[in-house]
C-alpha atoms as a PDB file:
ATOM      1  CA  MET A   1      -4.298  16.065  36.476  1.00  0.00           C
ATOM      2  CA  LYS A   2      -0.918  14.377  35.995  1.00  0.00           C
ATOM      3  CA  LYS A   3       1.996  15.962  37.825  1.00  0.00           C
ATOM      4  CA  THR A   4       3.831  16.756  34.563  1.00  0.00           C
ATOM      5  CA  HIS A   5       0.724  18.413  33.117  1.00  0.00           C
ATOM      6  CA  LEU A   6       0.237  20.439  36.300  1.00  0.00           C
ATOM      7  CA  ILE A   7       3.853  21.615  36.295  1.00  0.00           C
ATOM      8  CA  GLY A   8       3.644  22.443  32.603  1.00  0.00           C
ATOM      9  CA  SER A   9       0.409  24.396  33.092  1.00  0.00           C
ATOM     10  CA  LEU A  10       1.828  26.411  35.983  1.00  0.00           C
ATOM     11  CA  ALA A  11       5.051  27.138  34.083  1.00  0.00           C
ATOM     12  CA  ILE A  12       3.187  28.368  31.004  1.00  0.00           C
ATOM     13  CA  LEU A  13       0.806  30.435  33.116  1.00  0.00           C
ATOM     14  CA  ALA A  14       3.678  32.000  35.061  1.00  0.00           C
ATOM     15  CA  LEU A  15       5.388  32.895  31.784  1.00  0.00           C
ATOM     16  CA  MET A  16       2.255  34.485  30.388  1.00  0.00           C
ATOM     17  CA  VAL A  17       1.570  36.472  33.558  1.00  0.00           C
ATOM     18  CA  ALA A  18       5.111  37.704  34.168  1.00  0.00           C
ATOM     19  CA  VAL A  19       6.510  38.483  30.705  1.00  0.00           C
ATOM     20  CA  PRO A  20       4.015  40.916  29.045  1.00  0.00           C
ATOM     21  CA  PRO A  21       4.480  43.777  31.586  1.00  0.00           C
ATOM     22  CA  LEU A  22       8.155  43.770  30.575  1.00  0.00           C
ATOM     23  CA  LEU A  23       7.338  44.186  26.882  1.00  0.00           C
ATOM     24  CA  LYS A  24       6.511  47.178  24.714  1.00  0.00           C
ATOM     25  CA  SER A  25       2.997  47.568  23.328  1.00  0.00           C
ATOM     26  CA  TYR A  26       3.733  45.537  20.187  1.00  0.00           C
ATOM     27  CA  GLY A  27       5.101  42.685  22.284  1.00  0.00           C
ATOM     28  CA  VAL A  28       1.916  42.695  24.376  1.00  0.00           C
ATOM     29  CA  TYR A  29      -0.105  42.646  21.147  1.00  0.00           C
ATOM     30  CA  LEU A  30       1.856  39.602  19.920  1.00  0.00           C
ATOM     31  CA  PHE A  31       1.257  37.762  23.197  1.00  0.00           C
ATOM     32  CA  SER A  32      -2.458  38.616  22.966  1.00  0.00           C
ATOM     33  CA  THR A  33      -2.538  37.269  19.405  1.00  0.00           C
ATOM     34  CA  TRP A  34      -0.759  34.125  20.579  1.00  0.00           C
ATOM     35  CA  LEU A  35      -3.447  33.595  23.237  1.00  0.00           C
ATOM     36  CA  VAL A  36      -6.240  34.157  20.715  1.00  0.00           C
ATOM     37  CA  PHE A  37      -4.818  31.469  18.441  1.00  0.00           C
ATOM     38  CA  ILE A  38      -4.286  29.125  21.385  1.00  0.00           C
ATOM     39  CA  ILE A  39      -8.026  29.316  22.074  1.00  0.00           C
ATOM     40  CA  ALA A  40      -8.897  28.838  18.403  1.00  0.00           C
ATOM     41  CA  THR A  41      -6.568  25.869  17.906  1.00  0.00           C
ATOM     42  CA  MET A  42      -7.680  24.210  21.142  1.00  0.00           C
ATOM     43  CA  GLY A  43     -11.024  23.783  19.408  1.00  0.00           C
ATOM     44  CA  LEU A  44      -9.410  22.528  16.197  1.00  0.00           C
ATOM     45  CA  ASN A  45      -7.280  20.113  18.208  1.00  0.00           C
ATOM     46  CA  LEU A  46     -10.472  18.661  19.688  1.00  0.00           C
ATOM     47  CA  THR A  47     -11.964  18.185  16.220  1.00  0.00           C
ATOM     48  CA  VAL A  48      -8.819  16.952  14.485  1.00  0.00           C
ATOM     49  CA  GLY A  49      -6.533  15.587  17.182  1.00  0.00           C
ATOM     50  CA  TYR A  50      -8.980  13.975  19.586  1.00  0.00           C
ATOM     51  CA  ALA A  51     -11.989  13.149  17.391  1.00  0.00           C
ATOM     52  CA  GLY A  52      -9.991  12.364  14.251  1.00  0.00           C
ATOM     53  CA  GLN A  53     -11.982  14.533  11.822  1.00  0.00           C
ATOM     54  CA  LYS A  54     -10.352  16.403   8.940  1.00  0.00           C
ATOM     55  CA  SER A  55     -11.316  20.073   8.997  1.00  0.00           C
ATOM     56  CA  LEU A  56      -9.917  22.892   6.874  1.00  0.00           C
ATOM     57  CA  GLY A  57     -12.719  25.321   7.638  1.00  0.00           C
ATOM     58  CA  HIS A  58     -11.816  26.493  11.135  1.00  0.00           C
ATOM     59  CA  ALA A  59     -11.056  30.062  10.090  1.00  0.00           C
ATOM     60  CA  ALA A  60     -14.674  30.427   8.971  1.00  0.00           C
ATOM     61  CA  PHE A  61     -15.850  30.049  12.578  1.00  0.00           C
ATOM     62  CA  PHE A  62     -13.047  32.380  13.670  1.00  0.00           C
ATOM     63  CA  GLY A  63     -14.474  34.957  11.271  1.00  0.00           C
ATOM     64  CA  ILE A  64     -18.087  34.322  12.268  1.00  0.00           C
ATOM     65  CA  GLY A  65     -17.180  34.986  15.897  1.00  0.00           C
ATOM     66  CA  ALA A  66     -15.270  38.137  14.982  1.00  0.00           C
ATOM     67  CA  TYR A  67     -18.013  39.595  12.793  1.00  0.00           C
ATOM     68  CA  THR A  68     -20.761  38.658  15.252  1.00  0.00           C
ATOM     69  CA  VAL A  69     -19.087  40.509  18.102  1.00  0.00           C
ATOM     70  CA  ALA A  70     -18.139  43.468  15.898  1.00  0.00           C
ATOM     71  CA  ILE A  71     -21.636  43.868  14.428  1.00  0.00           C
ATOM     72  CA  LEU A  72     -23.315  43.569  17.819  1.00  0.00           C
ATOM     73  CA  LEU A  73     -20.918  46.077  19.387  1.00  0.00           C
ATOM     74  CA  LYS A  74     -21.706  48.527  16.591  1.00  0.00           C
ATOM     75  CA  ALA A  75     -25.402  47.985  17.333  1.00  0.00           C
ATOM     76  CA  GLY A  76     -24.848  48.927  20.964  1.00  0.00           C
ATOM     77  CA  VAL A  77     -24.918  45.392  22.396  1.00  0.00           C
ATOM     78  CA  SER A  78     -22.523  44.667  25.264  1.00  0.00           C
ATOM     79  CA  PHE A  79     -19.416  42.612  24.575  1.00  0.00           C
ATOM     80  CA  TRP A  80     -20.444  40.298  27.426  1.00  0.00           C
ATOM     81  CA  ILE A  81     -23.640  39.477  25.531  1.00  0.00           C
ATOM     82  CA  GLY A  82     -22.088  39.471  22.070  1.00  0.00           C
ATOM     83  CA  LEU A  83     -19.332  36.962  22.888  1.00  0.00           C
ATOM     84  CA  PRO A  84     -21.710  34.254  24.223  1.00  0.00           C
ATOM     85  CA  LEU A  85     -24.024  34.857  21.256  1.00  0.00           C
ATOM     86  CA  ALA A  86     -21.067  34.343  18.917  1.00  0.00           C
ATOM     87  CA  ALA A  87     -20.266  31.087  20.702  1.00  0.00           C
ATOM     88  CA  VAL A  88     -23.864  29.852  20.426  1.00  0.00           C
ATOM     89  CA  GLY A  89     -24.049  30.796  16.756  1.00  0.00           C
ATOM     90  CA  CYS A  90     -20.808  28.956  16.003  1.00  0.00           C
ATOM     91  CA  PHE A  91     -22.041  25.909  17.921  1.00  0.00           C
ATOM     92  CA  LEU A  92     -25.184  25.704  15.783  1.00  0.00           C
ATOM     93  CA  ILE A  93     -23.324  26.271  12.508  1.00  0.00           C
ATOM     94  CA  GLY A  94     -20.683  23.756  13.627  1.00  0.00           C
ATOM     95  CA  LEU A  95     -23.403  21.161  14.078  1.00  0.00           C
ATOM     96  CA  GLY A  96     -24.440  21.798  10.484  1.00  0.00           C
ATOM     97  CA  LEU A  97     -20.873  21.460   9.226  1.00  0.00           C
ATOM     98  CA  GLY A  98     -20.572  18.144  11.044  1.00  0.00           C
ATOM     99  CA  PHE A  99     -23.226  16.500   8.849  1.00  0.00           C
ATOM    100  CA  PRO A 100     -20.893  15.990   5.844  1.00  0.00           C
ATOM    101  CA  ALA A 101     -18.594  14.084   8.218  1.00  0.00           C
ATOM    102  CA  LEU A 102     -21.364  11.493   8.653  1.00  0.00           C
ATOM    103  CA  ARG A 103     -21.110  10.667   4.942  1.00  0.00           C
ATOM    104  CA  VAL A 104     -17.530  11.387   3.871  1.00  0.00           C
ATOM    105  CA  GLN A 105     -14.156  11.114   5.593  1.00  0.00           C
ATOM    106  CA  THR A 106     -10.434  11.847   5.117  1.00  0.00           C
ATOM    107  CA  ILE A 107      -9.612  13.993   2.081  1.00  0.00           C
ATOM    108  CA  TYR A 108     -13.248  14.319   0.992  1.00  0.00           C
ATOM    109  CA  LEU A 109     -14.225  15.782   4.346  1.00  0.00           C
ATOM    110  CA  ALA A 110     -11.271  18.175   4.170  1.00  0.00           C
ATOM    111  CA  PHE A 111     -12.499  19.429   0.785  1.00  0.00           C
ATOM    112  CA  ALA A 112     -16.055  19.803   2.110  1.00  0.00           C
ATOM    113  CA  THR A 113     -14.867  21.971   5.018  1.00  0.00           C
ATOM    114  CA  LEU A 114     -12.636  23.910   2.622  1.00  0.00           C
ATOM    115  CA  GLY A 115     -15.685  24.696   0.506  1.00  0.00           C
ATOM    116  CA  PHE A 116     -17.556  25.830   3.608  1.00  0.00           C
ATOM    117  CA  ASN A 117     -14.714  28.201   4.499  1.00  0.00           C
ATOM    118  CA  THR A 118     -14.726  29.644   0.985  1.00  0.00           C
ATOM    119  CA  ALA A 119     -18.499  30.185   1.074  1.00  0.00           C
ATOM    120  CA  ILE A 120     -18.352  32.003   4.424  1.00  0.00           C
ATOM    121  CA  TRP A 121     -15.439  34.129   3.226  1.00  0.00           C
ATOM    122  CA  LEU A 122     -17.418  35.151   0.128  1.00  0.00           C
ATOM    123  CA  VAL A 123     -20.323  36.222   2.340  1.00  0.00           C
ATOM    124  CA  MET A 124     -17.956  38.339   4.420  1.00  0.00           C
ATOM    125  CA  ARG A 125     -16.494  39.897   1.293  1.00  0.00           C
ATOM    126  CA  ASN A 126     -19.638  40.499  -0.757  1.00  0.00           C
ATOM    127  CA  GLU A 127     -22.400  41.287   1.744  1.00  0.00           C
ATOM    128  CA  GLU A 128     -21.324  44.854   2.367  1.00  0.00           C
ATOM    129  CA  TRP A 129     -24.609  45.798   4.038  1.00  0.00           C
ATOM    130  CA  LEU A 130     -23.740  43.438   6.873  1.00  0.00           C
ATOM    131  CA  THR A 131     -19.965  43.050   6.981  1.00  0.00           C
ATOM    132  CA  GLY A 132     -18.707  46.182   5.266  1.00  0.00           C
ATOM    133  CA  GLY A 133     -17.174  44.013   2.539  1.00  0.00           C
ATOM    134  CA  THR A 134     -13.550  44.792   1.735  1.00  0.00           C
ATOM    135  CA  PHE A 135     -13.839  48.037   3.716  1.00  0.00           C
ATOM    136  CA  GLY A 136     -14.473  45.996   6.852  1.00  0.00           C
ATOM    137  CA  ILE A 137     -15.679  47.206  10.233  1.00  0.00           C
ATOM    138  CA  ASN A 138     -13.511  49.686  12.128  1.00  0.00           C
ATOM    139  CA  ASN A 139     -13.436  51.377  15.519  1.00  0.00           C
ATOM    140  CA  ILE A 140     -14.403  48.158  17.318  1.00  0.00           C
ATOM    141  CA  SER A 141     -14.415  48.999  21.004  1.00  0.00           C
ATOM    142  CA  ARG A 142     -12.832  46.941  23.736  1.00  0.00           C
ATOM    143  CA  PRO A 143     -15.022  45.940  26.680  1.00  0.00           C
ATOM    144  CA  GLU A 144     -15.411  47.199  30.189  1.00  0.00           C
ATOM    145  CA  LEU A 145     -15.616  45.031  33.287  1.00  0.00           C
ATOM    146  CA  LEU A 146     -17.307  46.241  36.477  1.00  0.00           C
ATOM    147  CA  GLY A 147     -16.951  49.809  35.251  1.00  0.00           C
ATOM    148  CA  LEU A 148     -13.233  49.425  34.507  1.00  0.00           C
ATOM    149  CA  SER A 149     -12.062  49.970  30.942  1.00  0.00           C
ATOM    150  CA  LEU A 150     -10.069  47.162  29.339  1.00  0.00           C
ATOM    151  CA  ALA A 151      -9.052  49.305  26.382  1.00  0.00           C
ATOM    152  CA  GLY A 152      -5.373  49.311  27.370  1.00  0.00           C
ATOM    153  CA  ALA A 153      -3.144  46.747  25.684  1.00  0.00           C
ATOM    154  CA  LEU A 154      -2.058  45.109  28.944  1.00  0.00           C
ATOM    155  CA  ALA A 155      -5.536  45.127  30.516  1.00  0.00           C
ATOM    156  CA  TYR A 156      -7.041  43.506  27.435  1.00  0.00           C
ATOM    157  CA  TYR A 157      -4.212  40.986  27.339  1.00  0.00           C
ATOM    158  CA  TYR A 158      -5.029  39.808  30.850  1.00  0.00           C
ATOM    159  CA  LEU A 159      -8.708  39.505  29.921  1.00  0.00           C
ATOM    160  CA  VAL A 160      -7.757  37.232  27.000  1.00  0.00           C
ATOM    161  CA  LEU A 161      -5.425  35.288  29.299  1.00  0.00           C
ATOM    162  CA  VAL A 162      -8.196  34.676  31.859  1.00  0.00           C
ATOM    163  CA  LEU A 163     -10.590  33.508  29.152  1.00  0.00           C
ATOM    164  CA  ALA A 164      -7.879  31.256  27.659  1.00  0.00           C
ATOM    165  CA  VAL A 165      -7.313  29.639  31.058  1.00  0.00           C
ATOM    166  CA  VAL A 166     -11.068  29.140  31.538  1.00  0.00           C
ATOM    167  CA  MET A 167     -11.465  27.636  28.059  1.00  0.00           C
ATOM    168  CA  GLY A 168      -8.460  25.411  28.633  1.00  0.00           C
ATOM    169  CA  ALA A 169      -9.817  24.182  31.968  1.00  0.00           C
ATOM    170  CA  LEU A 170     -13.190  23.405  30.379  1.00  0.00           C
ATOM    171  CA  LEU A 171     -11.499  21.464  27.589  1.00  0.00           C
ATOM    172  CA  TRP A 172      -9.343  19.569  30.079  1.00  0.00           C
ATOM    173  CA  GLY A 173     -12.442  18.548  32.026  1.00  0.00           C
ATOM    174  CA  LEU A 174     -14.214  17.540  28.818  1.00  0.00           C
ATOM    175  CA  LEU A 175     -11.320  15.363  27.677  1.00  0.00           C
ATOM    176  CA  ARG A 176     -11.190  13.598  31.062  1.00  0.00           C
ATOM    177  CA  SER A 177     -14.937  12.925  30.998  1.00  0.00           C
ATOM    178  CA  PRO A 178     -16.739  10.064  29.224  1.00  0.00           C
ATOM    179  CA  TRP A 179     -17.247  12.477  26.313  1.00  0.00           C
ATOM    180  CA  GLY A 180     -13.497  12.819  25.896  1.00  0.00           C
ATOM    181  CA  LYS A 181     -13.024   9.048  25.928  1.00  0.00           C
ATOM    182  CA  ALA A 182     -15.776   8.756  23.309  1.00  0.00           C
ATOM    183  CA  PHE A 183     -14.037  11.312  21.085  1.00  0.00           C
ATOM    184  CA  MET A 184     -10.760   9.375  21.284  1.00  0.00           C
ATOM    185  CA  ALA A 185     -12.533   6.083  20.602  1.00  0.00           C
ATOM    186  CA  LEU A 186     -14.094   7.729  17.536  1.00  0.00           C
ATOM    187  CA  ARG A 187     -10.622   8.713  16.360  1.00  0.00           C
ATOM    188  CA  ASP A 188      -8.883   5.401  17.049  1.00  0.00           C
ATOM    189  CA  ASN A 189     -11.449   2.904  15.776  1.00  0.00           C
ATOM    190  CA  PRO A 190     -14.957   4.125  14.865  1.00  0.00           C
ATOM    191  CA  ILE A 191     -16.308   0.627  14.181  1.00  0.00           C
ATOM    192  CA  ARG A 192     -15.132  -0.723  17.522  1.00  0.00           C
ATOM    193  CA  ALA A 193     -16.389   2.431  19.292  1.00  0.00           C
ATOM    194  CA  GLU A 194     -19.840   1.954  17.778  1.00  0.00           C
ATOM    195  CA  SER A 195     -19.868  -1.693  18.851  1.00  0.00           C
ATOM    196  CA  LEU A 196     -19.174  -0.510  22.414  1.00  0.00           C
ATOM    197  CA  GLY A 197     -22.215   1.769  22.356  1.00  0.00           C
ATOM    198  CA  VAL A 198     -20.640   5.101  21.345  1.00  0.00           C
ATOM    199  CA  ASN A 199     -23.096   7.160  19.297  1.00  0.00           C
ATOM    200  CA  ILE A 200     -20.809   7.879  16.344  1.00  0.00           C
ATOM    201  CA  GLN A 201     -23.147  10.380  14.696  1.00  0.00           C
ATOM    202  CA  ALA A 202     -23.696  12.437  17.837  1.00  0.00           C
ATOM    203  CA  TYR A 203     -20.028  12.650  18.792  1.00  0.00           C
ATOM    204  CA  THR A 204     -18.965  13.488  15.240  1.00  0.00           C
ATOM    205  CA  LEU A 205     -21.376  16.427  15.219  1.00  0.00           C
ATOM    206  CA  LEU A 206     -20.318  17.506  18.699  1.00  0.00           C
ATOM    207  CA  SER A 207     -16.628  17.460  17.773  1.00  0.00           C
ATOM    208  CA  PHE A 208     -17.289  20.046  15.067  1.00  0.00           C
ATOM    209  CA  ALA A 209     -19.722  22.077  17.175  1.00  0.00           C
ATOM    210  CA  ILE A 210     -17.528  22.352  20.274  1.00  0.00           C
ATOM    211  CA  GLY A 211     -14.465  23.057  18.165  1.00  0.00           C
ATOM    212  CA  ALA A 212     -16.422  25.829  16.430  1.00  0.00           C
ATOM    213  CA  VAL A 213     -17.303  27.401  19.801  1.00  0.00           C
ATOM    214  CA  TYR A 214     -13.609  27.798  20.628  1.00  0.00           C
ATOM    215  CA  ALA A 215     -12.952  29.388  17.238  1.00  0.00           C
ATOM    216  CA  GLY A 216     -15.935  31.735  17.673  1.00  0.00           C
ATOM    217  CA  VAL A 217     -14.781  32.911  21.107  1.00  0.00           C
ATOM    218  CA  ALA A 218     -11.264  33.428  19.752  1.00  0.00           C
ATOM    219  CA  GLY A 219     -12.658  35.387  16.808  1.00  0.00           C
ATOM    220  CA  GLY A 220     -14.676  37.675  19.082  1.00  0.00           C
ATOM    221  CA  LEU A 221     -11.571  38.380  21.153  1.00  0.00           C
ATOM    222  CA  TYR A 222      -9.550  38.958  17.990  1.00  0.00           C
ATOM    223  CA  ALA A 223     -12.022  41.568  16.709  1.00  0.00           C
ATOM    224  CA  CYS A 224     -11.631  43.657  19.863  1.00  0.00           C
ATOM    225  CA  LEU A 225      -7.868  43.109  19.878  1.00  0.00           C
ATOM    226  CA  VAL A 226      -7.232  44.494  16.381  1.00  0.00           C
ATOM    227  CA  GLU A 227     -10.215  46.918  16.517  1.00  0.00           C
ATOM    228  CA  PHE A 228     -10.722  46.509  12.766  1.00  0.00           C
ATOM    229  CA  ILE A 229     -11.758  43.458  10.776  1.00  0.00           C
ATOM    230  CA  GLU A 230     -12.096  42.657   7.096  1.00  0.00           C
ATOM    231  CA  PRO A 231     -12.345  39.301   5.271  1.00  0.00           C
ATOM    232  CA  ALA A 232      -8.627  38.628   4.602  1.00  0.00           C
ATOM    233  CA  PRO A 233      -7.713  37.021   7.977  1.00  0.00           C
ATOM    234  CA  PHE A 234     -10.553  34.487   7.709  1.00  0.00           C
ATOM    235  CA  GLY A 235      -9.821  32.856   4.351  1.00  0.00           C
ATOM    236  CA  VAL A 236      -8.678  29.363   3.447  1.00  0.00           C
ATOM    237  CA  GLY A 237      -5.044  30.294   4.111  1.00  0.00           C
ATOM    238  CA  ALA A 238      -5.874  31.031   7.749  1.00  0.00           C
ATOM    239  CA  SER A 239      -7.561  27.620   8.117  1.00  0.00           C
ATOM    240  CA  ILE A 240      -4.486  25.904   6.696  1.00  0.00           C
ATOM    241  CA  MET A 241      -2.256  27.856   9.078  1.00  0.00           C
ATOM    242  CA  MET A 242      -4.405  26.838  12.069  1.00  0.00           C
ATOM    243  CA  TYR A 243      -4.260  23.219  10.934  1.00  0.00           C
ATOM    244  CA  LEU A 244      -0.464  23.521  10.719  1.00  0.00           C
ATOM    245  CA  MET A 245      -0.354  24.969  14.231  1.00  0.00           C
ATOM    246  CA  VAL A 246      -2.177  21.910  15.579  1.00  0.00           C
ATOM    247  CA  VAL A 247      -0.004  19.450  13.656  1.00  0.00           C
ATOM    248  CA  VAL A 248       3.295  21.198  14.415  1.00  0.00           C
ATOM    249  CA  GLY A 249       2.542  21.460  18.123  1.00  0.00           C
ATOM    250  CA  GLY A 250       1.266  17.903  18.358  1.00  0.00           C
ATOM    251  CA  SER A 251      -2.160  16.770  17.236  1.00  0.00           C
ATOM    252  CA  GLY A 252      -3.938  15.056  20.105  1.00  0.00           C
ATOM    253  CA  TYR A 253      -1.627  16.570  22.758  1.00  0.00           C
ATOM    254  CA  PHE A 254      -3.325  18.945  25.167  1.00  0.00           C
ATOM    255  CA  PHE A 255      -0.499  21.503  25.043  1.00  0.00           C
ATOM    256  CA  GLY A 256      -0.037  21.099  21.292  1.00  0.00           C
ATOM    257  CA  PRO A 257      -1.991  24.306  20.502  1.00  0.00           C
ATOM    258  CA  VAL A 258       0.174  26.321  22.915  1.00  0.00           C
ATOM    259  CA  LEU A 259       3.405  25.307  21.208  1.00  0.00           C
ATOM    260  CA  GLY A 260       1.963  25.229  17.691  1.00  0.00           C
ATOM    261  CA  SER A 261       0.470  28.706  18.031  1.00  0.00           C
ATOM    262  CA  ALA A 262       3.815  30.006  19.269  1.00  0.00           C
ATOM    263  CA  VAL A 263       5.431  28.609  16.114  1.00  0.00           C
ATOM    264  CA  GLY A 264       2.712  30.146  13.931  1.00  0.00           C
ATOM    265  CA  VAL A 265       2.483  33.570  15.642  1.00  0.00           C
ATOM    266  CA  LEU A 266       5.790  34.293  17.382  1.00  0.00           C
ATOM    267  CA  LEU A 267       8.330  32.466  15.202  1.00  0.00           C
ATOM    268  CA  PRO A 268       7.608  34.515  12.038  1.00  0.00           C
ATOM    269  CA  GLU A 269       8.231  37.694  14.065  1.00  0.00           C
ATOM    270  CA  TRP A 270      11.562  36.353  15.308  1.00  0.00           C
ATOM    271  CA  LEU A 271      12.518  35.460  11.729  1.00  0.00           C
ATOM    272  CA  ARG A 272      11.899  38.957  10.390  1.00  0.00           C
ATOM    273  CA  PHE A 273      15.637  39.620  10.624  1.00  0.00           C
ATOM    274  CA  ALA A 274      15.785  37.562   7.420  1.00  0.00           C
ATOM    275  CA  GLN A 275      13.613  40.253   5.793  1.00  0.00           C
ATOM    276  CA  GLY A 276      12.260  38.998   2.451  1.00  0.00           C
ATOM    277  CA  TRP A 277      13.453  35.463   3.153  1.00  0.00           C
ATOM    278  CA  TYR A 278      11.635  34.953   6.421  1.00  0.00           C
ATOM    279  CA  LEU A 279       8.568  33.279   4.884  1.00  0.00           C
ATOM    280  CA  PHE A 280      10.851  30.919   2.954  1.00  0.00           C
ATOM    281  CA  VAL A 281      12.781  30.086   6.144  1.00  0.00           C
ATOM    282  CA  PHE A 282       9.535  29.596   8.092  1.00  0.00           C
ATOM    283  CA  GLY A 283       8.030  27.362   5.401  1.00  0.00           C
ATOM    284  CA  GLY A 284      11.214  25.305   5.137  1.00  0.00           C
ATOM    285  CA  ALA A 285      11.324  24.825   8.911  1.00  0.00           C
ATOM    286  CA  VAL A 286       7.722  23.578   8.922  1.00  0.00           C
ATOM    287  CA  VAL A 287       8.407  21.150   6.053  1.00  0.00           C
ATOM    288  CA  LEU A 288      11.473  19.711   7.788  1.00  0.00           C
ATOM    289  CA  LEU A 289       9.554  19.390  11.026  1.00  0.00           C
ATOM    290  CA  MET A 290       6.759  17.472   9.322  1.00  0.00           C
ATOM    291  CA  LEU A 291       9.291  15.138   7.682  1.00  0.00           C
ATOM    292  CA  TRP A 292      11.181  14.346  10.869  1.00  0.00           C
ATOM    293  CA  LEU A 293       8.438  14.789  13.465  1.00  0.00           C
ATOM    294  CA  PRO A 294       5.083  14.043  11.800  1.00  0.00           C
ATOM    295  CA  ASP A 295       3.423  13.763  15.226  1.00  0.00           C
ATOM    296  CA  GLY A 296       4.533  17.258  16.246  1.00  0.00           C
ATOM    297  CA  LEU A 297       7.023  18.761  18.661  1.00  0.00           C
ATOM    298  CA  LEU A 298       5.333  17.360  21.753  1.00  0.00           C
ATOM    299  CA  SER A 299       5.895  13.827  20.442  1.00  0.00           C
ATOM    300  CA  ILE A 300       9.645  14.187  21.158  1.00  0.00           C
ATOM    301  CA  PRO A 301       9.399  12.988  24.811  1.00  0.00           C
ATOM    302  CA  ASP A 302       7.306   9.987  23.712  1.00  0.00           C
ATOM    303  CA  ARG A 303       9.827   9.121  21.000  1.00  0.00           C
ATOM    304  CA  LEU A 304      12.719   9.344  23.468  1.00  0.00           C
ATOM    305  CA  ARG A 305      10.799   7.214  25.952  1.00  0.00           C
ATOM    306  CA  ALA A 306      10.028   4.614  23.295  1.00  0.00           C
ATOM    307  CA  LYS A 307      13.704   4.438  22.297  1.00  0.00           C
ATOM    308  CA  ARG A 308      14.762   4.057  25.933  1.00  0.00           C
ATOM    309  CA  LEU A 309      12.261   1.247  26.491  1.00  0.00           C
ATOM    310  CA  ALA A 310      13.415  -0.451  23.289  1.00  0.00           C
ATOM    311  CA  ARG A 311      17.031  -0.291  24.453  1.00  0.00           C
ATOM    312  CA  GLU A 312      16.088  -1.672  27.862  1.00  0.00           C
ATOM    313  CA  ALA A 313      14.083  -4.481  26.267  1.00  0.00           C
ATOM    314  CA  SER A 314      16.960  -5.298  23.918  1.00  0.00           C
ATOM    315  CA  ALA A 315      19.413  -5.330  26.834  1.00  0.00           C
ATOM    316  CA  ALA A 316      17.080  -7.616  28.818  1.00  0.00           C
ATOM    317  CA  ARG A 317      16.793 -10.019  25.888  1.00  0.00           C
ATOM    318  CA  SER A 318      20.568 -10.060  25.470  1.00  0.00           C
ATOM    319  CA  ALA A 319      21.064 -10.727  29.189  1.00  0.00           C
ATOM    320  CA  ALA A 320      18.480 -13.546  29.121  1.00  0.00           C
ATOM    321  CA  ALA A 321      20.120 -15.084  26.061  1.00  0.00           C
ATOM    322  CA  ALA A 322      23.543 -14.874  27.724  1.00  0.00           C
ATOM    323  CA  ALA A 323      22.173 -16.493  30.894  1.00  0.00           C
ATOM    324  CA  ILE A 324      20.629 -19.345  28.901  1.00  0.00           C
ATOM    325  CA  LYS A 325      23.852 -19.868  26.985  1.00  0.00           C
ATOM    326  CA  ALA A 326      25.892 -19.876  30.194  1.00  0.00           C
ATOM    327  CA  GLY A 327      23.480 -22.386  31.774  1.00  0.00           C
ATOM    328  CA  ALA A 328      23.762 -24.677  28.794  1.00  0.00           C
END
């Protein structure tokens, strides 16, 4: 791990460990929600930022994970069994969603994933026998660990934090492995990657499937966090918001989901002083950011570095030209 990444990881972890005990219950809830969306958007960042696929259906997997855990908990199945089952189910469905990406790309793939999200949302809304429909599923219990209840806001927060760190470490290892290099080759130049022996079809499917696993785990954690779920949080709007979180933070940057999720979850709360105008202010800020920083907030250091190198190169050329002129 690079030194800057290590320092950044430790700083973020220290912040997330130290701050919540100082907050009231709603503040702890917001931090827990932030962590849930970090996990979800880490998966989307793999699909979109590292593998270069266009997906607007991520909230569907978020919902599948949430409903899977909620339904299994209601059936008496342990959370520690339900969460892995949700992850496996999302992996298999993610493989299926990846097949359209083998035939269509760019905007057409985005529309295909959008249709998938709509179909899943309609199932959640209309199949009342399974999902409760618009009435949802309530009284979702939080888990226990080694006989200790994690029902408290702070205890559950630290559980989500531990799982977020584990998921982040797994993703970091994946991105540094040959798989990660194959994903980035798929994003940068699919034709060249295929000529170098990268199995384009397999890695396209895996990018959707692994991304779906992260969304499913996040959804399962979200269900226990809010203790009540219904279809509204898993619609197309949620997928668009997750996509914005990835892009705003920095698509293809490892810490992009951390910063992007903070913008998507925490910033609207800080803007509530504007009352009815806060959504307008938030939307305007996102639009301006996309105009001036299309590569996201984490691209700022790279932009500054590029400008510095350009200035140094220009100064070197000027000095060389002056030396040649003086010699002549």
